[in-house]
Amino acid sequence: MTAQEQNLEIRLSLSRDAFHLEVDLRLPGSGITVLFGPSGSGKTTILRCLAGLDRADGRVVIGGQIWQDTTKGIHLPTWQRDLGYVFQESSLFEHLDVQRNLNYGIDRIKKPGLAESLDQAIDLLGIRHLLSRPVDGLSGGERQRVAIARALAMQPKLLLLDEPLASLDQNRKQEILPWLEGLHQGLSIPIIYVTHSRDELARLADHLVILEDGHVRASGPAGTLMQTLGLRSETVLKIAFSTIDSLEKAQQLSHQIVALNLAACVNIIPGITSIYRWDGEIQSSTECLMMMKTTPSGFEQLKAWLPTQHPYNCPELISVDISDGLAPYLRWLHDSNTTS
């Protein structure tokens, strides 16, 4: 399949009362595309049109397969569109345990390799220890992880996530976000993720589409747009500054997030840094290492120094002075000697 065939072609036109949707997009065939914008901007409507739940005029091509082409009279029904869809609510069967919820779909569809796909999804979302648990005993974050695993088990060509964290409190969001970040490395299919949260955008997006009043205001690599448009996280509680050296290879760096499940793992964007899963103190003049993805299979280690001493309690934010050439998504690994 050519690179052109791997891309997603989405042209949609829909009018409903006073709302008018008019979008023309070419999206990457892998990674996470975030649809970002205020309520009523058309984010969920686009997902529903892609799923065939709402009928718009236009053309939708996913992985080289035409799902919709109004000019040719093509409009595949939802059941013929090879996709997974996870809503704000997990929509699990309350009378079944986790394992039987996961098995529900694959027991009814004769498709080779579904059992293996389910097993991989269980590991990818880290829910193997939950399989025998009743659904009503799960936290909100656990329920959403089960729902995503169930969708992935069906081997979709496209995964749609419609504000999957919207109904969760802050603690549950922090519980599930690392698993969503892992989808970058664990999946080769495209994911379209709807949110109006800037923090989710900062942590998850490879490609960003900004919507307003049913129209695309901007579309492109997430890091580039976030810098250009000055998007910032929603809350800044405390401020500290640091400098970063050894940026010779900065121009070569990818904006992909490196998945590291460590206590002091930080997601860095130019001008702002979100600190997650960190409860402690960063010592003055401590030398640290940042892990950055430079190639599809390799990483670059750059040294960093934090000149200030400041206690941090999750979830707080710090501002970081980063060279303009540095890619906007980095994973920062605090030196193990300072976290022992």
Protein backbone atom coordinates (compact mmCIF):
# COMPACT_ATOMS: atom_id res chain seq x y z
CA MET A 1 0.00 0.00 0.00
CA THR A 2 1.39 3.40 -0.95
CA ALA A 3 1.83 6.26 1.51
CA GLN A 4 -1.03 8.07 -0.21
CA GLU A 5 -3.33 5.08 0.30
CA GLN A 6 -2.38 4.91 3.98
CA ASN A 7 -3.54 8.48 4.60
CA LEU A 8 -7.11 9.22 5.60
CA GLU A 9 -9.20 11.28 3.18
CA ILE A 10 -12.14 12.96 4.86
CA ARG A 11 -14.44 15.39 3.06
CA LEU A 12 -17.74 16.01 4.80
CA SER A 13 -20.58 18.47 4.29
CA LEU A 14 -23.59 18.49 6.59
CA SER A 15 -26.24 21.07 7.50
CA ARG A 16 -28.48 20.65 10.52
CA ASP A 17 -30.62 23.59 11.59
CA ALA A 18 -28.17 26.45 12.25
CA PHE A 19 -25.10 24.20 12.29
CA HIS A 20 -23.06 23.67 9.13
CA LEU A 21 -20.16 21.20 8.92
CA GLU A 22 -17.72 21.66 6.06
CA VAL A 23 -14.35 19.87 6.38
CA ASP A 24 -11.71 18.67 3.93
CA LEU A 25 -8.89 16.77 5.65
CA ARG A 26 -5.93 14.55 4.82
CA LEU A 27 -4.81 12.84 8.00
CA PRO A 28 -1.88 10.51 8.76
CA GLY A 29 -2.46 6.78 8.43
CA SER A 30 -1.01 6.12 11.89
CA GLY A 31 -0.59 7.84 15.24
CA ILE A 32 -3.12 9.91 17.16
CA THR A 33 -4.97 12.76 15.44
CA VAL A 34 -6.68 15.02 17.97
CA LEU A 35 -9.80 16.95 16.98
CA PHE A 36 -9.69 19.99 19.24
CA GLY A 37 -12.18 22.79 19.68
CA PRO A 38 -15.01 24.14 21.83
CA SER A 39 -18.34 22.43 22.31
CA GLY A 40 -20.44 22.67 19.17
CA SER A 41 -17.45 22.95 16.83
CA GLY A 42 -18.23 19.66 15.08
CA LYS A 43 -15.77 17.24 16.70
CA THR A 44 -18.23 14.51 17.63
CA THR A 45 -20.25 15.06 14.44
CA ILE A 46 -17.15 14.22 12.39
CA LEU A 47 -16.67 10.99 14.35
CA ARG A 48 -20.32 10.04 13.90
CA CYS A 49 -20.09 10.69 10.16
CA LEU A 50 -16.94 8.56 9.93
CA ALA A 51 -18.78 5.78 11.74
CA GLY A 52 -21.80 6.08 9.46
CA LEU A 53 -24.06 7.04 12.36
CA ASP A 54 -24.75 10.47 10.84
CA ARG A 55 -25.11 10.87 7.10
CA ALA A 56 -23.19 13.70 5.45
CA ASP A 57 -22.32 14.36 1.83
CA GLY A 58 -18.73 13.87 0.79
CA ARG A 59 -16.02 11.25 0.58
CA VAL A 60 -14.31 9.11 3.23
CA VAL A 61 -11.38 6.85 2.35
CA ILE A 62 -9.67 4.85 5.10
CA GLY A 63 -6.60 2.76 4.33
CA GLY A 64 -7.37 2.81 0.63
CA GLN A 65 -10.96 1.59 1.17
CA ILE A 66 -13.82 3.89 0.14
CA TRP A 67 -16.34 4.07 2.95
CA GLN A 68 -18.31 6.90 1.41
CA ASP A 69 -18.43 8.73 -1.91
CA THR A 70 -21.61 10.68 -2.51
CA THR A 71 -20.84 11.25 -6.19
CA LYS A 72 -20.64 7.48 -6.75
CA GLY A 73 -23.57 6.59 -4.53
CA ILE A 74 -21.35 4.77 -2.02
CA HIS A 75 -22.22 4.88 1.67
CA LEU A 76 -21.22 1.83 3.68
CA PRO A 77 -23.43 1.15 6.70
CA THR A 78 -21.77 1.23 10.11
CA TRP A 79 -21.48 -2.54 10.39
CA GLN A 80 -19.43 -2.66 7.18
CA ARG A 81 -16.97 0.01 8.33
CA ASP A 82 -13.95 -1.60 9.93
CA LEU A 83 -13.67 0.67 12.95
CA GLY A 84 -13.70 0.77 16.73
CA TYR A 85 -15.65 3.46 18.56
CA VAL A 86 -15.29 4.34 22.24
CA PHE A 87 -17.68 6.90 23.70
CA GLN A 88 -17.52 9.10 26.80
CA GLU A 89 -19.21 6.31 28.72
CA SER A 90 -17.65 2.86 28.44
CA SER A 91 -20.96 1.13 27.53
CA LEU A 92 -19.92 -2.16 29.14
CA PHE A 93 -22.40 -4.89 30.02
CA GLU A 94 -22.91 -4.56 33.76
CA HIS A 95 -24.07 -8.17 34.22
CA LEU A 96 -20.87 -9.60 32.70
CA ASP A 97 -17.35 -9.68 34.08
CA VAL A 98 -14.46 -8.09 32.18
CA GLN A 99 -13.48 -11.24 30.28
CA ARG A 100 -17.00 -11.85 29.02
CA ASN A 101 -17.35 -8.19 28.04
CA LEU A 102 -14.21 -8.56 25.95
CA ASN A 103 -15.38 -11.83 24.42
CA TYR A 104 -18.83 -10.51 23.53
CA GLY A 105 -17.86 -9.16 20.12
CA ILE A 106 -15.35 -11.77 19.01
CA ASP A 107 -17.74 -14.63 19.85
CA ARG A 108 -20.18 -13.24 17.27
CA ILE A 109 -17.85 -12.32 14.42
CA LYS A 110 -16.02 -14.96 12.41
CA LYS A 111 -12.75 -13.23 11.65
CA PRO A 112 -9.31 -14.86 11.76
CA GLY A 113 -6.96 -13.83 14.54
CA LEU A 114 -9.47 -12.13 16.84
CA ALA A 115 -8.41 -14.17 19.88
CA GLU A 116 -4.79 -13.13 19.33
CA SER A 117 -5.82 -9.50 18.84
CA LEU A 118 -7.77 -9.57 22.09
CA ASP A 119 -4.79 -11.00 23.95
CA GLN A 120 -2.56 -8.24 22.58
CA ALA A 121 -5.12 -5.57 23.49
CA ILE A 122 -5.33 -6.91 27.05
CA ASP A 123 -1.59 -6.49 27.46
CA LEU A 124 -1.47 -3.13 25.67
CA LEU A 125 -4.06 -1.65 28.04
CA GLY A 126 -2.73 -3.46 31.11
CA ILE A 127 -6.00 -5.10 32.14
CA ARG A 128 -5.07 -8.78 32.47
CA HIS A 129 -5.43 -8.59 36.25
CA LEU A 130 -9.00 -7.31 35.79
CA LEU A 131 -10.36 -10.16 33.64
CA SER A 132 -12.28 -11.92 36.42
CA ARG A 133 -13.55 -8.70 38.01
CA PRO A 134 -17.21 -7.66 37.77
CA VAL A 135 -17.68 -4.48 35.77
CA ASP A 136 -19.47 -2.67 38.57
CA GLY A 137 -16.32 -2.97 40.68
CA LEU A 138 -14.08 -1.13 38.21
CA SER A 139 -12.96 2.48 38.44
CA GLY A 140 -13.88 4.85 35.62
CA GLY A 141 -10.37 4.65 34.19
CA GLU A 142 -10.38 0.86 34.29
CA ARG A 143 -13.75 0.75 32.53
CA GLN A 144 -12.46 2.92 29.69
CA ARG A 145 -9.35 0.76 29.32
CA VAL A 146 -11.60 -2.29 29.00
CA ALA A 147 -13.77 -0.49 26.43
CA ILE A 148 -10.73 0.46 24.34
CA ALA A 149 -9.34 -3.08 24.53
CA ARG A 150 -12.71 -4.44 23.38
CA ALA A 151 -12.67 -2.09 20.39
CA LEU A 152 -9.08 -2.99 19.47
CA ALA A 153 -9.80 -6.71 19.66
CA MET A 154 -11.93 -6.41 16.53
CA GLN A 155 -8.84 -5.48 14.45
CA PRO A 156 -10.23 -2.11 13.29
CA LYS A 157 -8.62 -0.06 10.55
CA LEU A 158 -9.58 3.09 12.45
CA LEU A 159 -10.12 3.75 16.16
CA LEU A 160 -12.43 6.61 17.19
CA LEU A 161 -12.21 7.93 20.77
CA ASP A 162 -14.89 10.48 21.64
CA GLU A 163 -13.77 12.34 24.78
CA PRO A 164 -13.09 9.06 26.63
CA LEU A 165 -11.85 10.93 29.73
CA ALA A 166 -14.61 13.55 29.92
CA SER A 167 -16.59 11.77 32.63
CA LEU A 168 -13.55 10.94 34.80
CA ASP A 169 -12.23 12.91 37.75
CA GLN A 170 -8.63 14.16 37.75
CA ASN A 171 -7.23 11.10 39.53
CA ARG A 172 -8.87 8.68 37.11
CA LYS A 173 -7.62 10.73 34.15
CA GLN A 174 -4.07 10.44 35.45
CA GLU A 175 -4.64 6.70 35.84
CA ILE A 176 -5.57 6.11 32.19
CA LEU A 177 -3.46 8.72 30.36
CA PRO A 178 -0.22 6.69 30.47
CA TRP A 179 -2.03 3.78 28.81
CA LEU A 180 -3.39 6.05 26.09
CA GLU A 181 0.13 7.39 25.53
CA GLY A 182 1.24 3.79 25.00
CA LEU A 183 -1.06 3.49 21.98
CA HIS A 184 1.54 5.47 20.00
CA GLN A 185 4.00 2.60 20.20
CA GLY A 186 1.60 -0.33 20.44
CA LEU A 187 -0.60 0.31 17.40
CA SER A 188 -0.04 0.91 13.71
CA ILE A 189 -3.62 2.01 12.96
CA PRO A 190 -4.81 5.64 12.93
CA ILE A 191 -6.61 6.94 16.00
CA ILE A 192 -8.89 9.98 15.94
CA TYR A 193 -9.31 11.43 19.43
CA VAL A 194 -11.84 14.11 20.34
CA THR A 195 -11.15 16.46 23.24
CA HIS A 196 -11.39 20.06 24.38
CA SER A 197 -8.74 19.48 27.06
CA ARG A 198 -5.40 21.11 26.34
CA ASP A 199 -3.62 18.74 28.72
CA GLU A 200 -4.88 15.69 26.81
CA LEU A 201 -3.93 17.39 23.57
CA ALA A 202 -0.41 18.06 24.84
CA ARG A 203 0.17 14.48 25.95
CA LEU A 204 -1.45 12.54 23.13
CA ALA A 205 -1.52 14.38 19.81
CA ASP A 206 0.72 13.52 16.87
CA HIS A 207 -1.46 15.48 14.45
CA LEU A 208 -3.82 18.28 15.42
CA VAL A 209 -7.02 19.51 13.81
CA ILE A 210 -8.51 22.68 15.29
CA LEU A 211 -12.23 23.09 14.65
CA GLU A 212 -14.51 26.07 15.04
CA ASP A 213 -18.15 26.38 13.99
CA GLY A 214 -17.96 23.27 11.81
CA HIS A 215 -14.88 24.39 9.88
CA VAL A 216 -11.19 23.47 10.06
CA ARG A 217 -9.19 26.44 11.32
CA ALA A 218 -5.86 24.61 11.26
CA SER A 219 -4.51 21.12 10.61
CA GLY A 220 -0.96 19.83 10.85
CA PRO A 221 1.72 18.27 13.07
CA ALA A 222 0.67 18.89 16.66
CA GLY A 223 3.94 20.36 17.85
CA THR A 224 4.14 22.88 15.04
CA LEU A 225 0.57 24.08 15.52
CA MET A 226 0.86 24.28 19.29
CA GLN A 227 3.90 26.51 18.99
CA THR A 228 2.40 28.62 16.20
CA LEU A 229 -0.96 29.12 17.91
CA GLY A 230 0.44 29.46 21.42
CA LEU A 231 -1.67 26.68 22.92
CA ARG A 232 -0.93 26.20 26.59
CA SER A 233 -2.10 23.92 29.33
CA GLU A 234 -5.18 25.00 31.22
CA THR A 235 -3.64 25.29 34.69
CA VAL A 236 -0.30 26.61 35.90
CA LEU A 237 0.17 26.29 39.65
CA LYS A 238 3.88 26.89 40.19
CA ILE A 239 6.73 28.08 38.01
CA ALA A 240 10.42 27.15 37.80
CA PHE A 241 12.93 27.47 34.99
CA SER A 242 15.66 25.27 33.54
CA THR A 243 18.01 25.27 30.58
CA ILE A 244 18.91 22.46 28.21
CA ASP A 245 22.24 21.96 26.48
CA SER A 246 23.57 19.68 23.71
CA LEU A 247 20.93 20.41 21.08
CA GLU A 248 23.03 19.69 17.99
CA LYS A 249 20.57 17.09 16.74
CA ALA A 250 17.44 18.96 17.77
CA GLN A 251 16.31 19.59 14.21
CA GLN A 252 16.26 15.84 13.56
CA LEU A 253 14.07 14.98 16.52
CA SER A 254 10.62 13.52 16.07
CA HIS A 255 7.68 14.99 17.97
CA GLN A 256 6.54 11.52 19.04
CA ILE A 257 6.31 10.83 22.74
CA VAL A 258 8.63 8.19 24.15
CA ALA A 259 6.74 5.89 26.50
CA LEU A 260 8.50 5.56 29.85
CA ASN A 261 6.45 4.50 32.86
CA LEU A 262 8.70 6.00 35.51
CA ALA A 263 7.98 7.94 38.67
CA ALA A 264 9.55 11.16 37.39
CA CYS A 265 8.39 10.98 33.80
CA VAL A 266 7.56 14.41 32.40
CA ASN A 267 6.04 15.52 29.11
CA ILE A 268 7.85 18.63 27.85
CA ILE A 269 6.53 21.20 25.39
CA PRO A 270 8.33 24.44 24.51
CA GLY A 271 7.47 26.95 27.19
CA ILE A 272 5.56 24.60 29.45
CA THR A 273 6.02 21.24 31.11
CA SER A 274 3.28 19.06 32.57
CA ILE A 275 4.45 17.04 35.57
CA TYR A 276 2.61 13.78 36.14
CA ARG A 277 3.11 10.96 38.64
CA TRP A 278 5.75 12.96 40.53
CA ASP A 279 5.72 13.55 44.27
CA GLY A 280 9.05 14.78 45.56
CA GLU A 281 11.71 17.42 45.17
CA ILE A 282 14.02 18.18 42.25
CA GLN A 283 17.38 19.17 43.74
CA SER A 284 19.24 22.34 42.81
CA SER A 285 21.70 21.97 39.89
CA THR A 286 20.77 18.32 39.43
CA GLU A 287 21.94 16.81 36.16
CA CYS A 288 19.17 14.92 34.40
CA LEU A 289 18.72 13.01 31.17
CA MET A 290 16.04 13.59 28.57
CA MET A 291 15.04 10.72 26.31
CA MET A 292 13.99 11.80 22.82
CA LYS A 293 12.89 9.81 19.81
CA THR A 294 15.25 10.54 16.91
CA THR A 295 14.38 7.71 14.53
CA PRO A 296 11.59 5.10 14.41
CA SER A 297 13.86 2.71 16.33
CA GLY A 298 16.27 4.93 18.24
CA PHE A 299 16.45 7.50 21.00
CA GLU A 300 18.71 10.43 21.81
CA GLN A 301 19.92 11.27 25.31
CA LEU A 302 20.45 14.96 26.05
CA LYS A 303 21.67 16.44 29.31
CA ALA A 304 19.63 18.96 31.25
CA TRP A 305 20.21 20.96 34.41
CA LEU A 306 17.59 22.30 36.79
CA PRO A 307 19.14 25.36 38.45
CA THR A 308 16.37 25.86 40.98
CA GLN A 309 15.21 23.87 43.98
CA HIS A 310 11.49 23.43 44.21
CA PRO A 311 9.04 20.81 45.61
CA TYR A 312 6.51 19.40 43.16
CA ASN A 313 3.24 17.69 43.90
CA CYS A 314 1.14 16.09 41.16
CA PRO A 315 -0.36 17.58 39.09
CA GLU A 316 1.68 20.78 38.87
CA LEU A 317 3.36 22.50 35.97
CA ILE A 318 6.72 24.12 35.39
CA SER A 319 7.92 26.34 32.60
CA VAL A 320 11.04 25.16 30.76
CA ASP A 321 13.30 27.20 28.53
CA ILE A 322 13.84 25.06 25.41
CA SER A 323 15.62 25.95 22.18
CA ASP A 324 13.28 26.71 19.28
CA GLY A 325 14.83 23.86 17.32
CA LEU A 326 13.85 21.26 19.88
CA ALA A 327 10.89 19.10 18.96
CA PRO A 328 7.86 19.89 21.14
CA TYR A 329 7.30 16.46 22.64
CA LEU A 330 10.07 15.05 24.78
CA ARG A 331 10.18 12.53 27.56
CA TRP A 332 12.31 13.58 30.44
CA LEU A 333 13.99 10.93 32.57
CA HIS A 334 15.27 12.11 35.92
CA ASP A 335 18.63 10.60 36.85
CA SER A 336 17.99 7.43 38.83
CA ASN A 337 20.41 8.52 41.54
CA THR A 338 18.16 11.42 42.52
CA THR A 339 14.97 9.34 42.68
CA SER A 340 16.30 6.58 44.93
